Amino acid sequence: MTCEELVELVTAYLDGALDPETEQRFVEHLELCDGCEIYVEQIRRTAAEVGQVEPEDLSAETRDRLLEAFRSFPR
């Protein structure tokens, strides 16, 4: 698995939605790639933190900045 493939699959991995073979390849890549291991941990922490925030708790400016960041994220 390449780093690019891992990035594409990280959400499915964290949701436990990968098939066993793909999950095994994902985990094997993490064991070999420190950069991807750090990336997955950052995504895991971000999801945990954002999951605790209610949309109405955000100011309009913060909400707009977050939406812009997600829209401009490279795919």
PDB file of N, CA and C in Angstrom:
ATOM      1  N   MET A   1       0.847  -1.175   0.000  1.00  0.00           N
ATOM      2  CA  MET A   1       0.000   0.000   0.000  1.00  0.00           C
ATOM      3  C   MET A   1       0.887   1.230   0.000  1.00  0.00           C
ATOM      4  N   THR A   2       0.513   2.219  -0.781  1.00  0.00           N
ATOM      5  CA  THR A   2       1.261   3.470  -0.816  1.00  0.00           C
ATOM      6  C   THR A   2       0.698   4.433   0.225  1.00  0.00           C
ATOM      7  N   CYS A   3       1.446   5.480   0.494  1.00  0.00           N
ATOM      8  CA  CYS A   3       0.971   6.514   1.422  1.00  0.00           C
ATOM      9  C   CYS A   3      -0.314   7.144   0.890  1.00  0.00           C
ATOM     10  N   GLU A   4      -0.382   7.374  -0.408  1.00  0.00           N
ATOM     11  CA  GLU A   4      -1.569   7.979  -1.009  1.00  0.00           C
ATOM     12  C   GLU A   4      -2.795   7.091  -0.820  1.00  0.00           C
ATOM     13  N   GLU A   5      -2.621   5.784  -0.989  1.00  0.00           N
ATOM     14  CA  GLU A   5      -3.742   4.860  -0.781  1.00  0.00           C
ATOM     15  C   GLU A   5      -4.195   4.893   0.679  1.00  0.00           C
ATOM     16  N   LEU A   6      -3.244   4.941   1.585  1.00  0.00           N
ATOM     17  CA  LEU A   6      -3.566   4.982   3.005  1.00  0.00           C
ATOM     18  C   LEU A   6      -4.399   6.219   3.330  1.00  0.00           C
ATOM     19  N   VAL A   7      -4.001   7.370   2.801  1.00  0.00           N
ATOM     20  CA  VAL A   7      -4.744   8.605   3.054  1.00  0.00           C
ATOM     21  C   VAL A   7      -6.181   8.472   2.570  1.00  0.00           C
ATOM     22  N   GLU A   8      -6.365   7.837   1.420  1.00  0.00           N
ATOM     23  CA  GLU A   8      -7.709   7.643   0.862  1.00  0.00           C
ATOM     24  C   GLU A   8      -8.570   6.748   1.767  1.00  0.00           C
ATOM     25  N   LEU A   9      -7.932   5.838   2.510  1.00  0.00           N
ATOM     26  CA  LEU A   9      -8.662   4.832   3.285  1.00  0.00           C
ATOM     27  C   LEU A   9      -8.731   5.112   4.786  1.00  0.00           C
ATOM     28  N   VAL A  10      -8.110   6.188   5.237  1.00  0.00           N
ATOM     29  CA  VAL A  10      -7.980   6.402   6.679  1.00  0.00           C
ATOM     30  C   VAL A  10      -9.331   6.486   7.384  1.00  0.00           C
ATOM     31  N   THR A  11     -10.305   7.138   6.797  1.00  0.00           N
ATOM     32  CA  THR A  11     -11.615   7.247   7.444  1.00  0.00           C
ATOM     33  C   THR A  11     -12.271   5.878   7.570  1.00  0.00           C
ATOM     34  N   ALA A  12     -12.223   5.098   6.506  1.00  0.00           N
ATOM     35  CA  ALA A  12     -12.797   3.750   6.554  1.00  0.00           C
ATOM     36  C   ALA A  12     -12.077   2.907   7.601  1.00  0.00           C
ATOM     37  N   TYR A  13     -10.758   3.051   7.705  1.00  0.00           N
ATOM     38  CA  TYR A  13      -9.991   2.310   8.712  1.00  0.00           C
ATOM     39  C   TYR A  13     -10.454   2.680  10.120  1.00  0.00           C
ATOM     40  N   LEU A  14     -10.539   3.976  10.381  1.00  0.00           N
ATOM     41  CA  LEU A  14     -10.931   4.419  11.720  1.00  0.00           C
ATOM     42  C   LEU A  14     -12.370   4.031  12.053  1.00  0.00           C
ATOM     43  N   ASP A  15     -13.201   3.895  11.031  1.00  0.00           N
ATOM     44  CA  ASP A  15     -14.585   3.465  11.234  1.00  0.00           C
ATOM     45  C   ASP A  15     -14.726   1.951  11.301  1.00  0.00           C
ATOM     46  N   GLY A  16     -13.621   1.222  11.090  1.00  0.00           N
ATOM     47  CA  GLY A  16     -13.675  -0.234  11.100  1.00  0.00           C
ATOM     48  C   GLY A  16     -14.400  -0.808   9.894  1.00  0.00           C
ATOM     49  N   ALA A  17     -14.340  -0.077   8.762  1.00  0.00           N
ATOM     50  CA  ALA A  17     -15.115  -0.467   7.587  1.00  0.00           C
ATOM     51  C   ALA A  17     -14.284  -1.087   6.461  1.00  0.00           C
ATOM     52  N   LEU A  18     -13.006  -1.356   6.709  1.00  0.00           N
ATOM     53  CA  LEU A  18     -12.186  -1.980   5.670  1.00  0.00           C
ATOM     54  C   LEU A  18     -12.381  -3.493   5.681  1.00  0.00           C
ATOM     55  N   ASP A  19     -12.291  -4.082   4.504  1.00  0.00           N
ATOM     56  CA  ASP A  19     -12.320  -5.542   4.457  1.00  0.00           C
ATOM     57  C   ASP A  19     -11.018  -6.055   5.094  1.00  0.00           C
ATOM     58  N   PRO A  20     -11.000  -7.295   5.575  1.00  0.00           N
ATOM     59  CA  PRO A  20      -9.837  -7.806   6.309  1.00  0.00           C
ATOM     60  C   PRO A  20      -8.514  -7.701   5.542  1.00  0.00           C
ATOM     61  N   GLU A  21      -8.521  -7.996   4.262  1.00  0.00           N
ATOM     62  CA  GLU A  21      -7.282  -7.933   3.480  1.00  0.00           C
ATOM     63  C   GLU A  21      -6.750  -6.511   3.379  1.00  0.00           C
ATOM     64  N   THR A  22      -7.630  -5.560   3.111  1.00  0.00           N
ATOM     65  CA  THR A  22      -7.207  -4.163   3.008  1.00  0.00           C
ATOM     66  C   THR A  22      -6.747  -3.638   4.356  1.00  0.00           C
ATOM     67  N   GLU A  23      -7.451  -4.012   5.418  1.00  0.00           N
ATOM     68  CA  GLU A  23      -7.046  -3.586   6.753  1.00  0.00           C
ATOM     69  C   GLU A  23      -5.656  -4.123   7.096  1.00  0.00           C
ATOM     70  N   GLN A  24      -5.378  -5.355   6.722  1.00  0.00           N
ATOM     71  CA  GLN A  24      -4.059  -5.941   6.974  1.00  0.00           C
ATOM     72  C   GLN A  24      -2.977  -5.153   6.238  1.00  0.00           C
ATOM     73  N   ARG A  25      -3.234  -4.814   4.974  1.00  0.00           N
ATOM     74  CA  ARG A  25      -2.272  -4.022   4.201  1.00  0.00           C
ATOM     75  C   ARG A  25      -2.090  -2.640   4.825  1.00  0.00           C
ATOM     76  N   PHE A  26      -3.164  -2.057   5.313  1.00  0.00           N
ATOM     77  CA  PHE A  26      -3.133  -0.751   5.967  1.00  0.00           C
ATOM     78  C   PHE A  26      -2.235  -0.814   7.197  1.00  0.00           C
ATOM     79  N   VAL A  27      -2.480  -1.793   8.054  1.00  0.00           N
ATOM     80  CA  VAL A  27      -1.713  -1.956   9.290  1.00  0.00           C
ATOM     81  C   VAL A  27      -0.236  -2.235   8.982  1.00  0.00           C
ATOM     82  N   GLU A  28       0.023  -3.059   7.990  1.00  0.00           N
ATOM     83  CA  GLU A  28       1.411  -3.348   7.606  1.00  0.00           C
ATOM     84  C   GLU A  28       2.119  -2.078   7.149  1.00  0.00           C
ATOM     85  N   HIS A  29       1.407  -1.234   6.410  1.00  0.00           N
ATOM     86  CA  HIS A  29       2.017   0.021   5.976  1.00  0.00           C
ATOM     87  C   HIS A  29       2.327   0.909   7.185  1.00  0.00           C
ATOM     88  N   LEU A  30       1.396   0.985   8.124  1.00  0.00           N
ATOM     89  CA  LEU A  30       1.634   1.799   9.320  1.00  0.00           C
ATOM     90  C   LEU A  30       2.864   1.331  10.088  1.00  0.00           C
ATOM     91  N   GLU A  31       3.093   0.028  10.113  1.00  0.00           N
ATOM     92  CA  GLU A  31       4.257  -0.516  10.822  1.00  0.00           C
ATOM     93  C   GLU A  31       5.564  -0.083  10.176  1.00  0.00           C
ATOM     94  N   LEU A  32       5.522   0.222   8.886  1.00  0.00           N
ATOM     95  CA  LEU A  32       6.739   0.577   8.145  1.00  0.00           C
ATOM     96  C   LEU A  32       6.912   2.072   7.917  1.00  0.00           C
ATOM     97  N   CYS A  33       5.849   2.850   8.088  1.00  0.00           N
ATOM     98  CA  CYS A  33       5.880   4.262   7.693  1.00  0.00           C
ATOM     99  C   CYS A  33       5.535   5.160   8.876  1.00  0.00           C
ATOM    100  N   ASP A  34       6.555   5.778   9.451  1.00  0.00           N
ATOM    101  CA  ASP A  34       6.342   6.655  10.597  1.00  0.00           C
ATOM    102  C   ASP A  34       5.452   7.844  10.238  1.00  0.00           C
ATOM    103  N   GLY A  35       5.614   8.385   9.034  1.00  0.00           N
ATOM    104  CA  GLY A  35       4.817   9.535   8.616  1.00  0.00           C
ATOM    105  C   GLY A  35       3.333   9.214   8.590  1.00  0.00           C
ATOM    106  N   CYS A  36       2.974   8.065   8.051  1.00  0.00           N
ATOM    107  CA  CYS A  36       1.563   7.666   8.005  1.00  0.00           C
ATOM    108  C   CYS A  36       1.040   7.331   9.390  1.00  0.00           C
ATOM    109  N   GLU A  37       1.878   6.761  10.225  1.00  0.00           N
ATOM    110  CA  GLU A  37       1.462   6.469  11.597  1.00  0.00           C
ATOM    111  C   GLU A  37       1.102   7.772  12.320  1.00  0.00           C
ATOM    112  N   ILE A  38       1.928   8.786  12.142  1.00  0.00           N
ATOM    113  CA  ILE A  38       1.658  10.097  12.747  1.00  0.00           C
ATOM    114  C   ILE A  38       0.379  10.688  12.158  1.00  0.00           C
ATOM    115  N   TYR A  39       0.216  10.585  10.838  1.00  0.00           N
ATOM    116  CA  TYR A  39      -0.967  11.106  10.163  1.00  0.00           C
ATOM    117  C   TYR A  39      -2.243  10.469  10.714  1.00  0.00           C
ATOM    118  N   VAL A  40      -2.262   9.159  10.823  1.00  0.00           N
ATOM    119  CA  VAL A  40      -3.453   8.462  11.317  1.00  0.00           C
ATOM    120  C   VAL A  40      -3.751   8.887  12.758  1.00  0.00           C
ATOM    121  N   GLU A  41      -2.743   9.036  13.566  1.00  0.00           N
ATOM    122  CA  GLU A  41      -2.963   9.470  14.946  1.00  0.00           C
ATOM    123  C   GLU A  41      -3.511  10.893  14.982  1.00  0.00           C
ATOM    124  N   GLN A  42      -3.023  11.775  14.110  1.00  0.00           N
ATOM    125  CA  GLN A  42      -3.543  13.142  14.053  1.00  0.00           C
ATOM    126  C   GLN A  42      -5.011  13.151  13.634  1.00  0.00           C
ATOM    127  N   ILE A  43      -5.356  12.333  12.650  1.00  0.00           N
ATOM    128  CA  ILE A  43      -6.746  12.251  12.202  1.00  0.00           C
ATOM    129  C   ILE A  43      -7.620  11.693  13.318  1.00  0.00           C
ATOM    130  N   ARG A  44      -7.126  10.684  14.009  1.00  0.00           N
ATOM    131  CA  ARG A  44      -7.880  10.086  15.132  1.00  0.00           C
ATOM    132  C   ARG A  44      -8.145  11.135  16.217  1.00  0.00           C
ATOM    133  N   ARG A  45      -7.133  11.896  16.581  1.00  0.00           N
ATOM    134  CA  ARG A  45      -7.295  12.932  17.614  1.00  0.00           C
ATOM    135  C   ARG A  45      -8.235  14.035  17.147  1.00  0.00           C
ATOM    136  N   THR A  46      -8.075  14.449  15.897  1.00  0.00           N
ATOM    137  CA  THR A  46      -8.935  15.497  15.351  1.00  0.00           C
ATOM    138  C   THR A  46     -10.388  15.058  15.377  1.00  0.00           C
ATOM    139  N   ALA A  47     -10.652  13.843  14.934  1.00  0.00           N
ATOM    140  CA  ALA A  47     -12.023  13.329  14.922  1.00  0.00           C
ATOM    141  C   ALA A  47     -12.593  13.283  16.333  1.00  0.00           C
ATOM    142  N   ALA A  48     -11.780  12.892  17.294  1.00  0.00           N
ATOM    143  CA  ALA A  48     -12.247  12.819  18.682  1.00  0.00           C
ATOM    144  C   ALA A  48     -12.591  14.214  19.209  1.00  0.00           C
ATOM    145  N   GLU A  49     -11.746  15.183  18.903  1.00  0.00           N
ATOM    146  CA  GLU A  49     -11.979  16.550  19.376  1.00  0.00           C
ATOM    147  C   GLU A  49     -13.175  17.187  18.674  1.00  0.00           C
ATOM    148  N   VAL A  50     -13.230  17.073  17.375  1.00  0.00           N
ATOM    149  CA  VAL A  50     -14.320  17.678  16.614  1.00  0.00           C
ATOM    150  C   VAL A  50     -15.646  17.018  16.965  1.00  0.00           C
ATOM    151  N   GLY A  51     -15.604  15.749  17.263  1.00  0.00           N
ATOM    152  CA  GLY A  51     -16.822  15.042  17.633  1.00  0.00           C
ATOM    153  C   GLY A  51     -17.461  15.569  18.899  1.00  0.00           C
ATOM    154  N   GLN A  52     -16.712  16.308  19.682  1.00  0.00           N
ATOM    155  CA  GLN A  52     -17.236  16.860  20.924  1.00  0.00           C
ATOM    156  C   GLN A  52     -17.801  18.263  20.746  1.00  0.00           C
ATOM    157  N   VAL A  53     -17.629  18.843  19.566  1.00  0.00           N
ATOM    158  CA  VAL A  53     -18.067  20.208  19.303  1.00  0.00           C
ATOM    159  C   VAL A  53     -19.414  20.176  18.589  1.00  0.00           C
ATOM    160  N   GLU A  54     -20.340  20.939  19.080  1.00  0.00           N
ATOM    161  CA  GLU A  54     -21.645  21.071  18.430  1.00  0.00           C
ATOM    162  C   GLU A  54     -21.573  22.239  17.452  1.00  0.00           C
ATOM    163  N   PRO A  55     -22.148  22.097  16.266  1.00  0.00           N
ATOM    164  CA  PRO A  55     -22.084  23.182  15.275  1.00  0.00           C
ATOM    165  C   PRO A  55     -22.542  24.531  15.821  1.00  0.00           C
ATOM    166  N   GLU A  56     -23.557  24.534  16.661  1.00  0.00           N
ATOM    167  CA  GLU A  56     -24.047  25.810  17.192  1.00  0.00           C
ATOM    168  C   GLU A  56     -23.076  26.445  18.188  1.00  0.00           C
ATOM    169  N   ASP A  57     -22.076  25.678  18.646  1.00  0.00           N
ATOM    170  CA  ASP A  57     -21.064  26.220  19.549  1.00  0.00           C
ATOM    171  C   ASP A  57     -20.004  27.038  18.815  1.00  0.00           C
ATOM    172  N   LEU A  58     -19.944  26.902  17.500  1.00  0.00           N
ATOM    173  CA  LEU A  58     -18.936  27.604  16.706  1.00  0.00           C
ATOM    174  C   LEU A  58     -19.438  28.976  16.276  1.00  0.00           C
ATOM    175  N   SER A  59     -18.527  29.929  16.278  1.00  0.00           N
ATOM    176  CA  SER A  59     -18.902  31.232  15.737  1.00  0.00           C
ATOM    177  C   SER A  59     -19.043  31.100  14.226  1.00  0.00           C
ATOM    178  N   ALA A  60     -19.727  32.039  13.610  1.00  0.00           N
ATOM    179  CA  ALA A  60     -19.897  32.016  12.151  1.00  0.00           C
ATOM    180  C   ALA A  60     -18.536  32.066  11.464  1.00  0.00           C
ATOM    181  N   GLU A  61     -17.620  32.861  11.992  1.00  0.00           N
ATOM    182  CA  GLU A  61     -16.286  32.967  11.401  1.00  0.00           C
ATOM    183  C   GLU A  61     -15.538  31.635  11.486  1.00  0.00           C
ATOM    184  N   THR A  62     -15.575  30.986  12.628  1.00  0.00           N
ATOM    185  CA  THR A  62     -14.902  29.701  12.798  1.00  0.00           C
ATOM    186  C   THR A  62     -15.503  28.647  11.883  1.00  0.00           C
ATOM    187  N   ARG A  63     -16.819  28.595  11.819  1.00  0.00           N
ATOM    188  CA  ARG A  63     -17.494  27.635  10.947  1.00  0.00           C
ATOM    189  C   ARG A  63     -17.096  27.862   9.484  1.00  0.00           C
ATOM    190  N   ASP A  64     -17.070  29.125   9.053  1.00  0.00           N
ATOM    191  CA  ASP A  64     -16.682  29.439   7.677  1.00  0.00           C
ATOM    192  C   ASP A  64     -15.232  29.057   7.395  1.00  0.00           C
ATOM    193  N   ARG A  65     -14.357  29.294   8.351  1.00  0.00           N
ATOM    194  CA  ARG A  65     -12.947  28.937   8.166  1.00  0.00           C
ATOM    195  C   ARG A  65     -12.768  27.424   8.070  1.00  0.00           C
ATOM    196  N   LEU A  66     -13.487  26.679   8.901  1.00  0.00           N
ATOM    197  CA  LEU A  66     -13.412  25.218   8.833  1.00  0.00           C
ATOM    198  C   LEU A  66     -13.937  24.694   7.503  1.00  0.00           C
ATOM    199  N   LEU A  67     -15.057  25.220   7.065  1.00  0.00           N
ATOM    200  CA  LEU A  67     -15.615  24.788   5.783  1.00  0.00           C
ATOM    201  C   LEU A  67     -14.649  25.087   4.643  1.00  0.00           C
ATOM    202  N   GLU A  68     -14.033  26.244   4.675  1.00  0.00           N
ATOM    203  CA  GLU A  68     -13.061  26.594   3.633  1.00  0.00           C
ATOM    204  C   GLU A  68     -11.854  25.668   3.674  1.00  0.00           C
ATOM    205  N   ALA A  69     -11.401  25.330   4.862  1.00  0.00           N
ATOM    206  CA  ALA A  69     -10.257  24.416   4.983  1.00  0.00           C
ATOM    207  C   ALA A  69     -10.595  23.054   4.392  1.00  0.00           C
ATOM    208  N   PHE A  70     -11.780  22.551   4.673  1.00  0.00           N
ATOM    209  CA  PHE A  70     -12.174  21.245   4.120  1.00  0.00           C
ATOM    210  C   PHE A  70     -12.341  21.317   2.616  1.00  0.00           C
ATOM    211  N   ARG A  71     -12.887  22.408   2.124  1.00  0.00           N
ATOM    212  CA  ARG A  71     -13.080  22.546   0.675  1.00  0.00           C
ATOM    213  C   ARG A  71     -11.760  22.631  -0.068  1.00  0.00           C
ATOM    214  N   SER A  72     -10.758  23.232   0.535  1.00  0.00           N
ATOM    215  CA  SER A  72      -9.484  23.435  -0.146  1.00  0.00           C
ATOM    216  C   SER A  72      -8.504  22.293   0.087  1.00  0.00           C
ATOM    217  N   PHE A  73      -8.880  21.299   0.906  1.00  0.00           N
ATOM    218  CA  PHE A  73      -7.999  20.165   1.187  1.00  0.00           C
ATOM    219  C   PHE A  73      -7.762  19.387  -0.101  1.00  0.00           C
ATOM    220  N   PRO A  74      -6.498  19.128  -0.451  1.00  0.00           N
ATOM    221  CA  PRO A  74      -6.211  18.388  -1.693  1.00  0.00           C
ATOM    222  C   PRO A  74      -6.794  16.984  -1.664  1.00  0.00           C
ATOM    223  N   ARG A  75      -7.283  16.555  -2.803  1.00  0.00           N
ATOM    224  CA  ARG A  75      -7.865  15.214  -2.902  1.00  0.00           C
ATOM    225  C   ARG A  75      -7.048  14.356  -3.820  1.00  0.00           C
TER     226      ARG A  75
END
